[in-house]
Amino acid sequence: MLGVVAAALGGPEVLQVTELAEPEAGPGQVVVRIRAVCVHPADVAATTGEIPRGPVQPPFSPGWDIAGEVASVGPGTADFGVGDRVVGMIPWYLTRGTPGGYAEFVAADADWLVRLPDELDFVSASTVPLNAQTAHQGLSLVSLAMLPAGSSILVTGASGGVGGFAAQLALQGGYRVVAQASHGDEKWVHDLGAHEVVPRSVDLAEVGPVGAVFDAIPLGEAAAAAVEDRGIVVATRPTPAIVPARGVRQELQLIRLDRELLADLVVQVAAGQLRTRVADTMPLTEAADAHRRVLAGGLRGKLVLTVG
């Protein structure tokens, strides 16, 4: 089979299309024929050695979020049968790219996968696991801080994958959402239902004070300036400490796989209760160019690699 491997740490040029042995399903596993794999900034960070939880040693395959069909089933695996449509998240923070999703076939633990409803296509489905789970889990930290329903939450990067889901899920939770949009992308964020949309160029200190900030970009101090004293800031990467005298609670949200949560989020997207968007698709063999496009910025939606 064909796969994409990072032969060294570096830029997109380190990604090589190569022939790999087709995997076999072990106990509790299935082999997934990949139809779509989402390209995340985390994939780019892995190849450059900047991924949280420490750098990875090459060679490895990038790729967290996959969608496809079950090609074979390993011993003791009862959850899926050959031909089942599935979507899931390779817990890359555990596999460290062995496996990764940039391949024609992947041997995946059944616990990494959920059934894909017929109403949702492979490409759109592949944009859900990492983004939506990160958003939901980060907002759970806000809920644990006992922020009352109706309070204002600022979501940075609401044009993006994690931020877009965070804005929608915050609305479901009964919060008033102030969403920051990329330049020229305000309509998309407004259509997600945000109560107030502010441009990327605005001084966020003038937006607050809000009870909480979901800093999806993250912006760090610029976003923290909007939160009230003794509020909470949840960021998706480590950010500088906030002045202690303000009593602001800082939380770091790194993804963890939650199969039950993923199944619910996928069903919501399939039913139109949550929205996602795809900027473009590219063949798996053009993964290096896909990374270049992510690095260049300006994408409106996720970039997805397709197979077959």
C-alpha atoms as a PDB file:
ATOM      1  CA  MET A   1       0.000   0.000   0.000  1.00  0.00           C
ATOM      2  CA  LEU A   2       0.993   3.650  -0.253  1.00  0.00           C
ATOM      3  CA  GLY A   3       1.652   5.732   2.831  1.00  0.00           C
ATOM      4  CA  VAL A   4       3.186   9.067   3.708  1.00  0.00           C
ATOM      5  CA  VAL A   5       6.115   9.063   6.115  1.00  0.00           C
ATOM      6  CA  ALA A   6       8.109  11.851   7.718  1.00  0.00           C
ATOM      7  CA  ALA A   7      11.660  10.639   7.146  1.00  0.00           C
ATOM      8  CA  ALA A   8      13.138  13.404   9.311  1.00  0.00           C
ATOM      9  CA  LEU A   9      12.018  16.418  11.328  1.00  0.00           C
ATOM     10  CA  GLY A  10      11.528  19.513   9.228  1.00  0.00           C
ATOM     11  CA  GLY A  11       9.161  21.211   6.836  1.00  0.00           C
ATOM     12  CA  PRO A  12       6.777  19.696   4.287  1.00  0.00           C
ATOM     13  CA  GLU A  13       9.745  18.479   2.239  1.00  0.00           C
ATOM     14  CA  VAL A  14      10.405  15.697   4.782  1.00  0.00           C
ATOM     15  CA  LEU A  15       7.126  13.969   3.864  1.00  0.00           C
ATOM     16  CA  GLN A  16       7.735  11.072   1.483  1.00  0.00           C
ATOM     17  CA  VAL A  17       5.204   8.929  -0.366  1.00  0.00           C
ATOM     18  CA  THR A  18       6.384   5.359  -0.017  1.00  0.00           C
ATOM     19  CA  GLU A  19       5.269   1.753  -0.283  1.00  0.00           C
ATOM     20  CA  LEU A  20       4.484   0.161   3.078  1.00  0.00           C
ATOM     21  CA  ALA A  21       3.401  -3.310   4.090  1.00  0.00           C
ATOM     22  CA  GLU A  22      -0.384  -3.538   4.328  1.00  0.00           C
ATOM     23  CA  PRO A  23      -1.286  -3.926   8.021  1.00  0.00           C
ATOM     24  CA  GLU A  24      -3.068  -6.894   9.571  1.00  0.00           C
ATOM     25  CA  ALA A  25      -5.755  -6.591  12.229  1.00  0.00           C
ATOM     26  CA  GLY A  26      -4.611  -7.833  15.621  1.00  0.00           C
ATOM     27  CA  PRO A  27      -6.850  -8.792  18.559  1.00  0.00           C
ATOM     28  CA  GLY A  28      -9.411  -6.061  19.184  1.00  0.00           C
ATOM     29  CA  GLN A  29      -8.498  -4.298  15.950  1.00  0.00           C
ATOM     30  CA  VAL A  30      -9.855  -3.681  12.488  1.00  0.00           C
ATOM     31  CA  VAL A  31      -8.073  -2.635   9.327  1.00  0.00           C
ATOM     32  CA  VAL A  32      -9.660   0.510   7.900  1.00  0.00           C
ATOM     33  CA  ARG A  33      -9.525   1.264   4.195  1.00  0.00           C
ATOM     34  CA  ILE A  34      -8.930   5.002   4.433  1.00  0.00           C
ATOM     35  CA  ARG A  35     -11.148   7.231   2.330  1.00  0.00           C
ATOM     36  CA  ALA A  36     -10.358  10.560   4.030  1.00  0.00           C
ATOM     37  CA  VAL A  37      -7.842  11.850   6.573  1.00  0.00           C
ATOM     38  CA  CYS A  38      -7.952  15.398   7.917  1.00  0.00           C
ATOM     39  CA  VAL A  39      -4.838  17.571   7.827  1.00  0.00           C
ATOM     40  CA  HIS A  40      -4.386  19.351  11.156  1.00  0.00           C
ATOM     41  CA  PRO A  41      -1.903  21.961  12.373  1.00  0.00           C
ATOM     42  CA  ALA A  42      -0.912  19.203  14.819  1.00  0.00           C
ATOM     43  CA  ASP A  43       0.325  17.159  11.838  1.00  0.00           C
ATOM     44  CA  VAL A  44       2.537  20.043  10.764  1.00  0.00           C
ATOM     45  CA  ALA A  45       3.757  20.510  14.347  1.00  0.00           C
ATOM     46  CA  ALA A  46       4.666  16.821  14.520  1.00  0.00           C
ATOM     47  CA  THR A  47       6.870  17.007  11.444  1.00  0.00           C
ATOM     48  CA  THR A  48       8.666  20.084  12.768  1.00  0.00           C
ATOM     49  CA  GLY A  49       9.138  18.558  16.235  1.00  0.00           C
ATOM     50  CA  GLU A  50       6.901  21.106  17.966  1.00  0.00           C
ATOM     51  CA  ILE A  51       4.010  18.870  19.007  1.00  0.00           C
ATOM     52  CA  PRO A  52       2.952  18.952  22.691  1.00  0.00           C
ATOM     53  CA  ARG A  53       4.020  16.038  24.891  1.00  0.00           C
ATOM     54  CA  GLY A  54       7.483  16.067  23.316  1.00  0.00           C
ATOM     55  CA  PRO A  55       8.979  15.626  19.831  1.00  0.00           C
ATOM     56  CA  VAL A  56       8.637  12.419  17.853  1.00  0.00           C
ATOM     57  CA  GLN A  57      11.478  10.350  16.463  1.00  0.00           C
ATOM     58  CA  PRO A  58      11.307   9.750  12.681  1.00  0.00           C
ATOM     59  CA  PRO A  59      10.313   7.865  10.685  1.00  0.00           C
ATOM     60  CA  PHE A  60       6.614   8.211  11.464  1.00  0.00           C
ATOM     61  CA  SER A  61       3.294   8.813   9.747  1.00  0.00           C
ATOM     62  CA  PRO A  62       1.210  11.919  10.566  1.00  0.00           C
ATOM     63  CA  GLY A  63      -2.560  11.831  10.777  1.00  0.00           C
ATOM     64  CA  TRP A  64      -5.109  11.762  13.598  1.00  0.00           C
ATOM     65  CA  ASP A  65      -8.596  11.746  12.097  1.00  0.00           C
ATOM     66  CA  ILE A  66      -9.642   9.042   9.644  1.00  0.00           C
ATOM     67  CA  ALA A  67     -12.817   7.944   7.898  1.00  0.00           C
ATOM     68  CA  GLY A  68     -13.312   4.886   5.731  1.00  0.00           C
ATOM     69  CA  GLU A  69     -14.563   1.325   5.563  1.00  0.00           C
ATOM     70  CA  VAL A  70     -13.636  -1.743   7.570  1.00  0.00           C
ATOM     71  CA  ALA A  71     -11.529  -3.993   5.329  1.00  0.00           C
ATOM     72  CA  SER A  72     -10.835  -6.797   7.824  1.00  0.00           C
ATOM     73  CA  VAL A  73     -11.550  -7.666  11.448  1.00  0.00           C
ATOM     74  CA  GLY A  74      -9.112  -9.052  13.992  1.00  0.00           C
ATOM     75  CA  PRO A  75      -9.714 -11.801  16.592  1.00  0.00           C
ATOM     76  CA  GLY A  76     -12.129 -10.935  19.368  1.00  0.00           C
ATOM     77  CA  THR A  77     -13.475  -7.833  17.647  1.00  0.00           C
ATOM     78  CA  ALA A  78     -17.262  -7.805  17.723  1.00  0.00           C
ATOM     79  CA  ASP A  79     -18.075  -4.112  17.290  1.00  0.00           C
ATOM     80  CA  PHE A  80     -17.588  -3.910  13.521  1.00  0.00           C
ATOM     81  CA  GLY A  81     -17.902  -6.053  10.419  1.00  0.00           C
ATOM     82  CA  VAL A  82     -16.279  -5.904   7.006  1.00  0.00           C
ATOM     83  CA  GLY A  83     -17.773  -3.069   4.969  1.00  0.00           C
ATOM     84  CA  ASP A  84     -18.920  -0.965   7.937  1.00  0.00           C
ATOM     85  CA  ARG A  85     -18.457   2.762   7.484  1.00  0.00           C
ATOM     86  CA  VAL A  86     -16.408   4.199  10.349  1.00  0.00           C
ATOM     87  CA  VAL A  87     -14.826   7.417  11.553  1.00  0.00           C
ATOM     88  CA  GLY A  88     -12.347   7.772  14.346  1.00  0.00           C
ATOM     89  CA  MET A  89      -9.324   9.328  15.899  1.00  0.00           C
ATOM     90  CA  ILE A  90      -5.944   7.681  16.084  1.00  0.00           C
ATOM     91  CA  PRO A  91      -4.690   8.728  19.546  1.00  0.00           C
ATOM     92  CA  TRP A  92      -1.507  10.104  18.041  1.00  0.00           C
ATOM     93  CA  TYR A  93      -0.273  11.229  21.448  1.00  0.00           C
ATOM     94  CA  LEU A  94       0.032   7.494  22.212  1.00  0.00           C
ATOM     95  CA  THR A  95       0.933   5.997  18.820  1.00  0.00           C
ATOM     96  CA  ARG A  96       3.437   8.749  17.927  1.00  0.00           C
ATOM     97  CA  GLY A  97       2.814   7.985  14.294  1.00  0.00           C
ATOM     98  CA  THR A  98       2.939   4.195  14.453  1.00  0.00           C
ATOM     99  CA  PRO A  99       0.362   4.130  13.083  1.00  0.00           C
ATOM    100  CA  GLY A 100      -0.648   7.483  11.707  1.00  0.00           C
ATOM    101  CA  GLY A 101      -3.516   8.175   9.366  1.00  0.00           C
ATOM    102  CA  TYR A 102      -1.635   9.158   6.195  1.00  0.00           C
ATOM    103  CA  ALA A 103      -1.965   5.750   4.527  1.00  0.00           C
ATOM    104  CA  GLU A 104      -4.276   3.718   2.319  1.00  0.00           C
ATOM    105  CA  PHE A 105      -4.938   1.240   5.157  1.00  0.00           C
ATOM    106  CA  VAL A 106      -4.595   1.565   8.936  1.00  0.00           C
ATOM    107  CA  ALA A 107      -4.813  -1.089  11.642  1.00  0.00           C
ATOM    108  CA  ALA A 108      -6.882   0.640  14.317  1.00  0.00           C
ATOM    109  CA  ASP A 109      -8.092  -0.436  17.735  1.00  0.00           C
ATOM    110  CA  ALA A 110     -11.863  -0.810  17.599  1.00  0.00           C
ATOM    111  CA  ASP A 111     -12.064   1.579  20.568  1.00  0.00           C
ATOM    112  CA  TRP A 112     -10.693   4.357  18.359  1.00  0.00           C
ATOM    113  CA  LEU A 113     -13.650   4.165  15.990  1.00  0.00           C
ATOM    114  CA  VAL A 114     -17.389   4.784  15.853  1.00  0.00           C
ATOM    115  CA  ARG A 115     -19.960   4.026  13.199  1.00  0.00           C
ATOM    116  CA  LEU A 116     -20.395   6.641  10.504  1.00  0.00           C
ATOM    117  CA  PRO A 117     -24.037   7.485   9.762  1.00  0.00           C
ATOM    118  CA  ASP A 118     -25.066   7.217   6.130  1.00  0.00           C
ATOM    119  CA  GLU A 119     -26.034  10.903   6.158  1.00  0.00           C
ATOM    120  CA  LEU A 120     -22.426  12.009   6.651  1.00  0.00           C
ATOM    121  CA  ASP A 121     -19.778  11.702   3.934  1.00  0.00           C
ATOM    122  CA  PHE A 122     -16.234  10.506   4.599  1.00  0.00           C
ATOM    123  CA  VAL A 123     -14.583  13.865   3.937  1.00  0.00           C
ATOM    124  CA  SER A 124     -16.782  15.882   6.289  1.00  0.00           C
ATOM    125  CA  ALA A 125     -16.647  13.145   8.926  1.00  0.00           C
ATOM    126  CA  SER A 126     -12.847  13.252   9.008  1.00  0.00           C
ATOM    127  CA  THR A 127     -12.953  16.875  10.218  1.00  0.00           C
ATOM    128  CA  VAL A 128     -14.887  16.020  13.377  1.00  0.00           C
ATOM    129  CA  PRO A 129     -12.947  13.873  15.909  1.00  0.00           C
ATOM    130  CA  LEU A 130      -9.994  16.007  17.010  1.00  0.00           C
ATOM    131  CA  ASN A 131     -11.690  19.373  16.547  1.00  0.00           C
ATOM    132  CA  ALA A 132     -15.053  18.632  18.124  1.00  0.00           C
ATOM    133  CA  GLN A 133     -13.708  16.594  21.037  1.00  0.00           C
ATOM    134  CA  THR A 134     -11.131  19.268  21.895  1.00  0.00           C
ATOM    135  CA  ALA A 135     -13.871  21.899  21.867  1.00  0.00           C
ATOM    136  CA  HIS A 136     -16.238  19.840  24.006  1.00  0.00           C
ATOM    137  CA  GLN A 137     -13.583  18.875  26.534  1.00  0.00           C
ATOM    138  CA  GLY A 138     -12.348  22.456  26.827  1.00  0.00           C
ATOM    139  CA  LEU A 139     -15.856  23.731  27.440  1.00  0.00           C
ATOM    140  CA  SER A 140     -16.296  21.058  30.104  1.00  0.00           C
ATOM    141  CA  LEU A 141     -13.519  22.821  32.024  1.00  0.00           C
ATOM    142  CA  VAL A 142     -15.558  26.020  31.818  1.00  0.00           C
ATOM    143  CA  SER A 143     -18.576  24.169  33.200  1.00  0.00           C
ATOM    144  CA  LEU A 144     -16.475  22.804  36.072  1.00  0.00           C
ATOM    145  CA  ALA A 145     -15.581  26.410  36.932  1.00  0.00           C
ATOM    146  CA  MET A 146     -19.299  26.900  37.681  1.00  0.00           C
ATOM    147  CA  LEU A 147     -19.767  29.658  35.123  1.00  0.00           C
ATOM    148  CA  PRO A 148     -23.523  30.316  35.158  1.00  0.00           C
ATOM    149  CA  ALA A 149     -25.567  29.740  32.018  1.00  0.00           C
ATOM    150  CA  GLY A 150     -26.117  33.001  30.202  1.00  0.00           C
ATOM    151  CA  SER A 151     -22.596  34.232  30.979  1.00  0.00           C
ATOM    152  CA  SER A 152     -20.467  35.515  28.131  1.00  0.00           C
ATOM    153  CA  ILE A 153     -17.711  33.375  26.621  1.00  0.00           C
ATOM    154  CA  LEU A 154     -15.164  34.681  24.160  1.00  0.00           C
ATOM    155  CA  VAL A 155     -14.044  32.112  21.573  1.00  0.00           C
ATOM    156  CA  THR A 156     -10.896  33.007  19.663  1.00  0.00           C
ATOM    157  CA  GLY A 157     -10.324  31.446  16.274  1.00  0.00           C
ATOM    158  CA  ALA A 158     -14.022  30.760  15.793  1.00  0.00           C
ATOM    159  CA  SER A 159     -13.431  30.536  12.039  1.00  0.00           C
ATOM    160  CA  GLY A 160     -11.296  27.454  12.595  1.00  0.00           C
ATOM    161  CA  GLY A 161     -12.073  23.831  13.320  1.00  0.00           C
ATOM    162  CA  VAL A 162     -11.777  23.781  17.110  1.00  0.00           C
ATOM    163  CA  GLY A 163     -13.060  27.328  17.565  1.00  0.00           C
ATOM    164  CA  GLY A 164     -16.061  26.767  15.306  1.00  0.00           C
ATOM    165  CA  PHE A 165     -17.146  23.729  17.285  1.00  0.00           C
ATOM    166  CA  ALA A 166     -16.453  25.554  20.565  1.00  0.00           C
ATOM    167  CA  ALA A 167     -18.745  28.416  19.562  1.00  0.00           C
ATOM    168  CA  GLN A 168     -21.562  26.038  18.621  1.00  0.00           C
ATOM    169  CA  LEU A 169     -21.218  23.876  21.725  1.00  0.00           C
ATOM    170  CA  ALA A 170     -21.086  26.940  23.969  1.00  0.00           C
ATOM    171  CA  LEU A 171     -24.378  28.056  22.439  1.00  0.00           C
ATOM    172  CA  GLN A 172     -25.832  24.622  23.169  1.00  0.00           C
ATOM    173  CA  GLY A 173     -24.683  25.086  26.768  1.00  0.00           C
ATOM    174  CA  GLY A 174     -26.694  28.269  27.134  1.00  0.00           C
ATOM    175  CA  TYR A 175     -23.813  30.739  27.072  1.00  0.00           C
ATOM    176  CA  ARG A 176     -23.677  34.089  25.318  1.00  0.00           C
ATOM    177  CA  VAL A 177     -20.979  33.656  22.682  1.00  0.00           C
ATOM    178  CA  VAL A 178     -18.646  36.404  21.542  1.00  0.00           C
ATOM    179  CA  ALA A 179     -16.747  34.896  18.618  1.00  0.00           C
ATOM    180  CA  GLN A 180     -13.594  36.188  16.991  1.00  0.00           C
ATOM    181  CA  ALA A 181     -13.509  35.674  13.227  1.00  0.00           C
ATOM    182  CA  SER A 182     -10.726  35.808  10.683  1.00  0.00           C
ATOM    183  CA  HIS A 183     -10.796  38.782   8.340  1.00  0.00           C
ATOM    184  CA  GLY A 184     -13.485  38.300   5.709  1.00  0.00           C
ATOM    185  CA  ASP A 185     -14.880  35.232   7.437  1.00  0.00           C
ATOM    186  CA  GLU A 186     -17.345  36.956   9.736  1.00  0.00           C
ATOM    187  CA  LYS A 187     -20.422  35.611   7.929  1.00  0.00           C
ATOM    188  CA  TRP A 188     -19.522  31.972   8.583  1.00  0.00           C
ATOM    189  CA  VAL A 189     -19.047  32.652  12.280  1.00  0.00           C
ATOM    190  CA  HIS A 190     -22.246  34.682  12.453  1.00  0.00           C
ATOM    191  CA  ASP A 191     -24.137  31.857  10.758  1.00  0.00           C
ATOM    192  CA  LEU A 192     -22.925  29.469  13.462  1.00  0.00           C
ATOM    193  CA  GLY A 193     -25.164  31.462  15.806  1.00  0.00           C
ATOM    194  CA  ALA A 194     -22.700  33.637  17.719  1.00  0.00           C
ATOM    195  CA  HIS A 195     -24.360  36.512  19.563  1.00  0.00           C
ATOM    196  CA  GLU A 196     -21.520  38.873  18.692  1.00  0.00           C
ATOM    197  CA  VAL A 197     -18.777  38.543  16.073  1.00  0.00           C
ATOM    198  CA  VAL A 198     -15.568  40.538  16.363  1.00  0.00           C
ATOM    199  CA  PRO A 199     -12.774  40.738  13.771  1.00  0.00           C
ATOM    200  CA  ARG A 200      -9.290  39.317  14.278  1.00  0.00           C
ATOM    201  CA  SER A 201      -7.872  42.855  14.406  1.00  0.00           C
ATOM    202  CA  VAL A 202      -9.899  44.034  17.416  1.00  0.00           C
ATOM    203  CA  ASP A 203      -8.256  44.673  20.786  1.00  0.00           C
ATOM    204  CA  LEU A 204      -9.864  41.934  22.873  1.00  0.00           C
ATOM    205  CA  ALA A 205      -9.405  43.973  26.043  1.00  0.00           C
ATOM    206  CA  GLU A 206     -12.218  46.139  24.675  1.00  0.00           C
ATOM    207  CA  VAL A 207     -14.494  43.124  24.179  1.00  0.00           C
ATOM    208  CA  GLY A 208     -14.666  42.070  27.820  1.00  0.00           C
ATOM    209  CA  PRO A 209     -14.958  41.534  30.535  1.00  0.00           C
ATOM    210  CA  VAL A 210     -16.296  38.058  29.848  1.00  0.00           C
ATOM    211  CA  GLY A 211     -16.614  35.198  32.304  1.00  0.00           C
ATOM    212  CA  ALA A 212     -14.516  32.796  30.262  1.00  0.00           C
ATOM    213  CA  VAL A 213     -12.261  32.639  27.214  1.00  0.00           C
ATOM    214  CA  PHE A 214     -11.847  29.584  25.005  1.00  0.00           C
ATOM    215  CA  ASP A 215      -8.547  30.481  23.391  1.00  0.00           C
ATOM    216  CA  ALA A 216      -8.545  28.160  20.390  1.00  0.00           C
ATOM    217  CA  ILE A 217      -5.759  29.861  18.428  1.00  0.00           C
ATOM    218  CA  PRO A 218      -4.329  30.476  21.127  1.00  0.00           C
ATOM    219  CA  LEU A 219      -3.488  34.161  21.507  1.00  0.00           C
ATOM    220  CA  GLY A 220      -2.356  34.040  25.128  1.00  0.00           C
ATOM    221  CA  GLU A 221      -2.171  37.459  26.802  1.00  0.00           C
ATOM    222  CA  ALA A 222      -4.223  39.194  24.106  1.00  0.00           C
ATOM    223  CA  ALA A 223      -7.144  36.836  24.735  1.00  0.00           C
ATOM    224  CA  ALA A 224      -6.689  36.787  28.519  1.00  0.00           C
ATOM    225  CA  ALA A 225      -7.144  40.563  28.525  1.00  0.00           C
ATOM    226  CA  ALA A 226     -10.842  40.012  27.860  1.00  0.00           C
ATOM    227  CA  VAL A 227     -11.551  37.794  30.876  1.00  0.00           C
ATOM    228  CA  GLU A 228     -12.830  39.217  34.130  1.00  0.00           C
ATOM    229  CA  ASP A 229     -10.926  38.852  37.392  1.00  0.00           C
ATOM    230  CA  ARG A 230     -11.385  35.328  38.797  1.00  0.00           C
ATOM    231  CA  GLY A 231     -12.621  34.155  35.394  1.00  0.00           C
ATOM    232  CA  ILE A 232     -11.246  31.204  33.429  1.00  0.00           C
ATOM    233  CA  VAL A 233      -9.153  30.897  30.279  1.00  0.00           C
ATOM    234  CA  VAL A 234      -8.915  27.562  28.467  1.00  0.00           C
ATOM    235  CA  ALA A 235      -6.164  27.342  25.842  1.00  0.00           C
ATOM    236  CA  THR A 236      -5.293  24.630  23.344  1.00  0.00           C
ATOM    237  CA  ARG A 237      -1.535  25.124  23.765  1.00  0.00           C
ATOM    238  CA  PRO A 238       0.601  26.379  26.679  1.00  0.00           C
ATOM    239  CA  THR A 239       0.400  30.170  27.109  1.00  0.00           C
ATOM    240  CA  PRO A 240       2.135  32.657  29.454  1.00  0.00           C
ATOM    241  CA  ALA A 241       0.883  32.919  33.033  1.00  0.00           C
ATOM    242  CA  ILE A 242      -1.707  35.578  33.792  1.00  0.00           C
ATOM    243  CA  VAL A 243      -0.949  38.109  36.538  1.00  0.00           C
ATOM    244  CA  PRO A 244      -1.695  36.165  39.764  1.00  0.00           C
ATOM    245  CA  ALA A 245      -3.431  39.104  41.424  1.00  0.00           C
ATOM    246  CA  ARG A 246      -6.303  38.813  38.969  1.00  0.00           C
ATOM    247  CA  GLY A 247      -7.155  35.347  40.242  1.00  0.00           C
ATOM    248  CA  VAL A 248      -7.781  34.046  36.724  1.00  0.00           C
ATOM    249  CA  ARG A 249      -7.858  30.283  36.375  1.00  0.00           C
ATOM    250  CA  GLN A 250      -5.830  28.959  33.441  1.00  0.00           C
ATOM    251  CA  GLU A 251      -6.449  25.536  31.944  1.00  0.00           C
ATOM    252  CA  LEU A 252      -4.645  23.708  29.147  1.00  0.00           C
ATOM    253  CA  GLN A 253      -6.838  21.498  26.981  1.00  0.00           C
ATOM    254  CA  LEU A 254      -4.994  18.694  25.222  1.00  0.00           C
ATOM    255  CA  ILE A 255      -7.113  16.137  23.398  1.00  0.00           C
ATOM    256  CA  ARG A 256      -7.999  12.773  24.873  1.00  0.00           C
ATOM    257  CA  LEU A 257      -9.990  10.143  23.036  1.00  0.00           C
ATOM    258  CA  ASP A 258     -13.509   9.636  24.389  1.00  0.00           C
ATOM    259  CA  ARG A 259     -15.363   7.130  22.226  1.00  0.00           C
ATOM    260  CA  GLU A 260     -18.820   7.790  23.690  1.00  0.00           C
ATOM    261  CA  LEU A 261     -18.391  11.535  23.238  1.00  0.00           C
ATOM    262  CA  LEU A 262     -17.109  11.074  19.692  1.00  0.00           C
ATOM    263  CA  ALA A 263     -20.114   8.956  18.739  1.00  0.00           C
ATOM    264  CA  ASP A 264     -22.482  11.661  20.011  1.00  0.00           C
ATOM    265  CA  LEU A 265     -20.647  14.463  18.202  1.00  0.00           C
ATOM    266  CA  VAL A 266     -20.598  12.536  14.913  1.00  0.00           C
ATOM    267  CA  VAL A 267     -24.345  11.927  15.167  1.00  0.00           C
ATOM    268  CA  GLN A 268     -24.920  15.638  15.809  1.00  0.00           C
ATOM    269  CA  VAL A 269     -22.916  16.605  12.728  1.00  0.00           C
ATOM    270  CA  ALA A 270     -24.757  14.016  10.628  1.00  0.00           C
ATOM    271  CA  ALA A 271     -28.082  15.424  11.840  1.00  0.00           C
ATOM    272  CA  GLY A 272     -27.107  19.007  11.084  1.00  0.00           C
ATOM    273  CA  GLN A 273     -27.085  20.015  14.755  1.00  0.00           C
ATOM    274  CA  LEU A 274     -23.389  20.890  14.492  1.00  0.00           C
ATOM    275  CA  ARG A 275     -21.704  22.291  11.416  1.00  0.00           C
ATOM    276  CA  THR A 276     -18.273  21.679   9.962  1.00  0.00           C
ATOM    277  CA  ARG A 277     -16.709  22.780   6.707  1.00  0.00           C
ATOM    278  CA  VAL A 278     -14.087  21.629   4.258  1.00  0.00           C
ATOM    279  CA  ALA A 279     -11.856  24.096   2.436  1.00  0.00           C
ATOM    280  CA  ASP A 280     -10.548  21.608  -0.115  1.00  0.00           C
ATOM    281  CA  THR A 281      -9.566  18.000  -0.749  1.00  0.00           C
ATOM    282  CA  MET A 282      -6.257  16.735  -2.105  1.00  0.00           C
ATOM    283  CA  PRO A 283      -4.966  13.252  -2.939  1.00  0.00           C
ATOM    284  CA  LEU A 284      -3.008  11.488  -0.195  1.00  0.00           C
ATOM    285  CA  THR A 285       0.063  11.586  -2.451  1.00  0.00           C
ATOM    286  CA  GLU A 286       0.033  15.408  -2.242  1.00  0.00           C
ATOM    287  CA  ALA A 287       0.402  15.498   1.548  1.00  0.00           C
ATOM    288  CA  ALA A 288       3.512  17.682   1.390  1.00  0.00           C
ATOM    289  CA  ASP A 289       1.656  20.314  -0.635  1.00  0.00           C
ATOM    290  CA  ALA A 290      -1.235  20.075   1.825  1.00  0.00           C
ATOM    291  CA  HIS A 291       1.156  20.918   4.662  1.00  0.00           C
ATOM    292  CA  ARG A 292       2.436  23.882   2.669  1.00  0.00           C
ATOM    293  CA  ARG A 293      -1.101  25.175   2.324  1.00  0.00           C
ATOM    294  CA  VAL A 294      -1.743  24.813   6.057  1.00  0.00           C
ATOM    295  CA  LEU A 295       1.474  26.711   6.803  1.00  0.00           C
ATOM    296  CA  ALA A 296       0.492  29.459   4.346  1.00  0.00           C
ATOM    297  CA  GLY A 297      -2.760  30.040   6.231  1.00  0.00           C
ATOM    298  CA  GLY A 298      -5.939  31.580   4.920  1.00  0.00           C
ATOM    299  CA  LEU A 299      -7.888  28.328   4.575  1.00  0.00           C
ATOM    300  CA  ARG A 300     -11.595  28.568   5.248  1.00  0.00           C
ATOM    301  CA  GLY A 301     -12.350  25.148   6.574  1.00  0.00           C
ATOM    302  CA  LYS A 302     -10.279  22.004   6.870  1.00  0.00           C
ATOM    303  CA  LEU A 303      -8.011  20.482   4.262  1.00  0.00           C
ATOM    304  CA  VAL A 304      -8.653  16.761   3.754  1.00  0.00           C
ATOM    305  CA  LEU A 305      -6.524  14.125   2.027  1.00  0.00           C
ATOM    306  CA  THR A 306      -8.523  11.545   0.082  1.00  0.00           C
ATOM    307  CA  VAL A 307      -7.791   8.003  -1.054  1.00  0.00           C
ATOM    308  CA  GLY A 308      -9.498   6.161  -3.899  1.00  0.00           C
END
